Amino acid sequence: MTYVRACGLSELEEDTPKRVELDGTPVSIVRTEGEVFAINDICSHANVSLSEGEVEDCAIECWLHGSSFDLRTGKPSGLPATRPVPVYPVKIEGDDVLVSVTQES
């Protein structure tokens, strides 16, 4: 698994998604409930940026139609979305937030 720097931990505001692009993959980085999560930034229902939505109860809500996705699993918790979005492993090293968007073979 290859980790790349996504952003600085100090750049993240609580419950405020930060959009980054890692190896061509749009990713939303979220600091909430004492943890940092990385989830694919594109809603599986409407192909819009999840980082423009709100974060509550360890979920990110799509601003367009209101579907929420669990930041831990990527599973949708409300319609109209029915398909999960990918989540990515995160490591914190000092002030660096490292994310792996590569899949193991």
C-alpha atoms as a PDB file:
ATOM      1  CA  MET A   1       0.000   0.000   0.000  1.00  0.00           C
ATOM      2  CA  THR A   2       1.419   3.373  -0.999  1.00  0.00           C
ATOM      3  CA  TYR A   3       0.558   6.447   1.056  1.00  0.00           C
ATOM      4  CA  VAL A   4       0.799  10.004  -0.268  1.00  0.00           C
ATOM      5  CA  ARG A   5       0.485  13.299   1.575  1.00  0.00           C
ATOM      6  CA  ALA A   6      -3.053  14.664   1.238  1.00  0.00           C
ATOM      7  CA  CYS A   7      -2.750  17.767   3.437  1.00  0.00           C
ATOM      8  CA  GLY A   8      -1.585  18.992   6.800  1.00  0.00           C
ATOM      9  CA  LEU A   9      -3.567  17.999   9.873  1.00  0.00           C
ATOM     10  CA  SER A  10      -3.531  21.660  10.895  1.00  0.00           C
ATOM     11  CA  GLU A  11      -5.329  22.518   7.620  1.00  0.00           C
ATOM     12  CA  LEU A  12      -8.406  20.508   8.615  1.00  0.00           C
ATOM     13  CA  GLU A  13     -11.275  22.163  10.446  1.00  0.00           C
ATOM     14  CA  GLU A  14     -13.568  19.926  12.486  1.00  0.00           C
ATOM     15  CA  ASP A  15     -16.557  18.687  10.417  1.00  0.00           C
ATOM     16  CA  THR A  16     -15.449  20.651   7.325  1.00  0.00           C
ATOM     17  CA  PRO A  17     -14.519  18.487   4.311  1.00  0.00           C
ATOM     18  CA  LYS A  18     -11.378  19.335   2.339  1.00  0.00           C
ATOM     19  CA  ARG A  19     -11.196  18.257  -1.305  1.00  0.00           C
ATOM     20  CA  VAL A  20      -7.853  17.036  -2.635  1.00  0.00           C
ATOM     21  CA  GLU A  21      -6.781  15.069  -5.693  1.00  0.00           C
ATOM     22  CA  LEU A  22      -4.453  12.122  -5.132  1.00  0.00           C
ATOM     23  CA  ASP A  23      -3.040  10.199  -8.085  1.00  0.00           C
ATOM     24  CA  GLY A  24      -5.946  11.483 -10.211  1.00  0.00           C
ATOM     25  CA  THR A  25      -8.565  10.466  -7.636  1.00  0.00           C
ATOM     26  CA  PRO A  26     -10.804  13.130  -6.059  1.00  0.00           C
ATOM     27  CA  VAL A  27     -10.831  12.610  -2.293  1.00  0.00           C
ATOM     28  CA  SER A  28     -12.647  14.336   0.547  1.00  0.00           C
ATOM     29  CA  ILE A  29     -10.620  14.495   3.773  1.00  0.00           C
ATOM     30  CA  VAL A  30     -12.719  14.934   6.916  1.00  0.00           C
ATOM     31  CA  ARG A  31     -11.700  15.477  10.541  1.00  0.00           C
ATOM     32  CA  THR A  32     -14.548  14.546  12.857  1.00  0.00           C
ATOM     33  CA  GLU A  33     -15.102  12.875  16.220  1.00  0.00           C
ATOM     34  CA  GLY A  34     -11.346  12.807  16.895  1.00  0.00           C
ATOM     35  CA  GLU A  35     -10.474  10.920  13.701  1.00  0.00           C
ATOM     36  CA  VAL A  36      -9.509  11.715  10.125  1.00  0.00           C
ATOM     37  CA  PHE A  37     -11.274   9.982   7.237  1.00  0.00           C
ATOM     38  CA  ALA A  38     -10.710   9.852   3.482  1.00  0.00           C
ATOM     39  CA  ILE A  39     -13.632   9.094   1.177  1.00  0.00           C
ATOM     40  CA  ASN A  40     -14.027   9.360  -2.573  1.00  0.00           C
ATOM     41  CA  ASP A  41     -15.295  12.852  -3.289  1.00  0.00           C
ATOM     42  CA  ILE A  42     -17.837  11.866  -5.949  1.00  0.00           C
ATOM     43  CA  CYS A  43     -21.398  10.915  -4.957  1.00  0.00           C
ATOM     44  CA  SER A  44     -22.341   7.494  -6.332  1.00  0.00           C
ATOM     45  CA  HIS A  45     -25.814   8.776  -7.211  1.00  0.00           C
ATOM     46  CA  ALA A  46     -25.357  12.171  -8.822  1.00  0.00           C
ATOM     47  CA  ASN A  47     -21.658  12.508  -9.735  1.00  0.00           C
ATOM     48  CA  VAL A  48     -21.191  15.705  -7.678  1.00  0.00           C
ATOM     49  CA  SER A  49     -18.566  16.661  -5.080  1.00  0.00           C
ATOM     50  CA  LEU A  50     -19.283  15.341  -1.577  1.00  0.00           C
ATOM     51  CA  SER A  51     -16.837  17.828  -0.061  1.00  0.00           C
ATOM     52  CA  GLU A  52     -19.414  20.551  -0.695  1.00  0.00           C
ATOM     53  CA  GLY A  53     -21.814  18.806   1.700  1.00  0.00           C
ATOM     54  CA  GLU A  54     -22.147  18.826   5.462  1.00  0.00           C
ATOM     55  CA  VAL A  55     -20.658  16.422   8.006  1.00  0.00           C
ATOM     56  CA  GLU A  56     -22.673  15.085  10.934  1.00  0.00           C
ATOM     57  CA  ASP A  57     -22.550  11.908  13.035  1.00  0.00           C
ATOM     58  CA  CYS A  58     -19.541  10.501  11.131  1.00  0.00           C
ATOM     59  CA  ALA A  59     -21.330  10.847   7.783  1.00  0.00           C
ATOM     60  CA  ILE A  60     -21.019  13.216   4.848  1.00  0.00           C
ATOM     61  CA  GLU A  61     -24.148  14.413   3.091  1.00  0.00           C
ATOM     62  CA  CYS A  62     -24.396  15.031  -0.636  1.00  0.00           C
ATOM     63  CA  TRP A  63     -25.536  18.622  -1.084  1.00  0.00           C
ATOM     64  CA  LEU A  64     -27.576  17.886  -4.219  1.00  0.00           C
ATOM     65  CA  HIS A  65     -30.093  15.228  -3.160  1.00  0.00           C
ATOM     66  CA  GLY A  66     -29.333  14.675   0.529  1.00  0.00           C
ATOM     67  CA  SER A  67     -27.896  11.149   0.530  1.00  0.00           C
ATOM     68  CA  SER A  68     -25.472  10.558   3.405  1.00  0.00           C
ATOM     69  CA  PHE A  69     -22.421   8.298   3.298  1.00  0.00           C
ATOM     70  CA  ASP A  70     -20.756   6.739   6.352  1.00  0.00           C
ATOM     71  CA  LEU A  71     -17.179   8.052   6.533  1.00  0.00           C
ATOM     72  CA  ARG A  72     -15.953   4.706   7.939  1.00  0.00           C
ATOM     73  CA  THR A  73     -17.496   2.405   5.308  1.00  0.00           C
ATOM     74  CA  GLY A  74     -18.697   4.568   2.410  1.00  0.00           C
ATOM     75  CA  LYS A  75     -22.146   2.985   2.626  1.00  0.00           C
ATOM     76  CA  PRO A  76     -25.114   5.238   1.888  1.00  0.00           C
ATOM     77  CA  SER A  77     -27.557   5.725   4.741  1.00  0.00           C
ATOM     78  CA  GLY A  78     -30.303   7.429   2.810  1.00  0.00           C
ATOM     79  CA  LEU A  79     -31.877   7.519  -0.617  1.00  0.00           C
ATOM     80  CA  PRO A  80     -31.552   8.271  -3.432  1.00  0.00           C
ATOM     81  CA  ALA A  81     -28.025   6.792  -3.307  1.00  0.00           C
ATOM     82  CA  THR A  82     -27.906   3.001  -3.135  1.00  0.00           C
ATOM     83  CA  ARG A  83     -24.239   2.319  -3.978  1.00  0.00           C
ATOM     84  CA  PRO A  84     -21.339   2.951  -1.580  1.00  0.00           C
ATOM     85  CA  VAL A  85     -18.377   5.192  -2.395  1.00  0.00           C
ATOM     86  CA  PRO A  86     -14.791   4.060  -1.782  1.00  0.00           C
ATOM     87  CA  VAL A  87     -13.067   4.921   1.488  1.00  0.00           C
ATOM     88  CA  TYR A  88      -9.293   5.015   1.816  1.00  0.00           C
ATOM     89  CA  PRO A  89      -6.828   4.179   4.602  1.00  0.00           C
ATOM     90  CA  VAL A  90      -5.404   7.178   6.477  1.00  0.00           C
ATOM     91  CA  LYS A  91      -2.199   7.543   8.496  1.00  0.00           C
ATOM     92  CA  ILE A  92      -1.113  10.593  10.490  1.00  0.00           C
ATOM     93  CA  GLU A  93       2.620  11.316  10.691  1.00  0.00           C
ATOM     94  CA  GLY A  94       3.343  14.505  12.600  1.00  0.00           C
ATOM     95  CA  ASP A  95       1.227  17.162  10.866  1.00  0.00           C
ATOM     96  CA  ASP A  96       0.925  15.152   7.631  1.00  0.00           C
ATOM     97  CA  VAL A  97      -2.284  13.378   6.654  1.00  0.00           C
ATOM     98  CA  LEU A  98      -1.295  10.439   4.444  1.00  0.00           C
ATOM     99  CA  VAL A  99      -3.833   8.554   2.333  1.00  0.00           C
ATOM    100  CA  SER A 100      -3.564   5.454   0.180  1.00  0.00           C
ATOM    101  CA  VAL A 101      -5.802   5.446  -2.898  1.00  0.00           C
ATOM    102  CA  THR A 102      -3.978   2.516  -4.530  1.00  0.00           C
ATOM    103  CA  GLN A 103      -5.495  -0.936  -4.563  1.00  0.00           C
ATOM    104  CA  GLU A 104      -3.408  -3.933  -3.648  1.00  0.00           C
ATOM    105  CA  SER A 105      -3.077  -6.584  -6.341  1.00  0.00           C
END
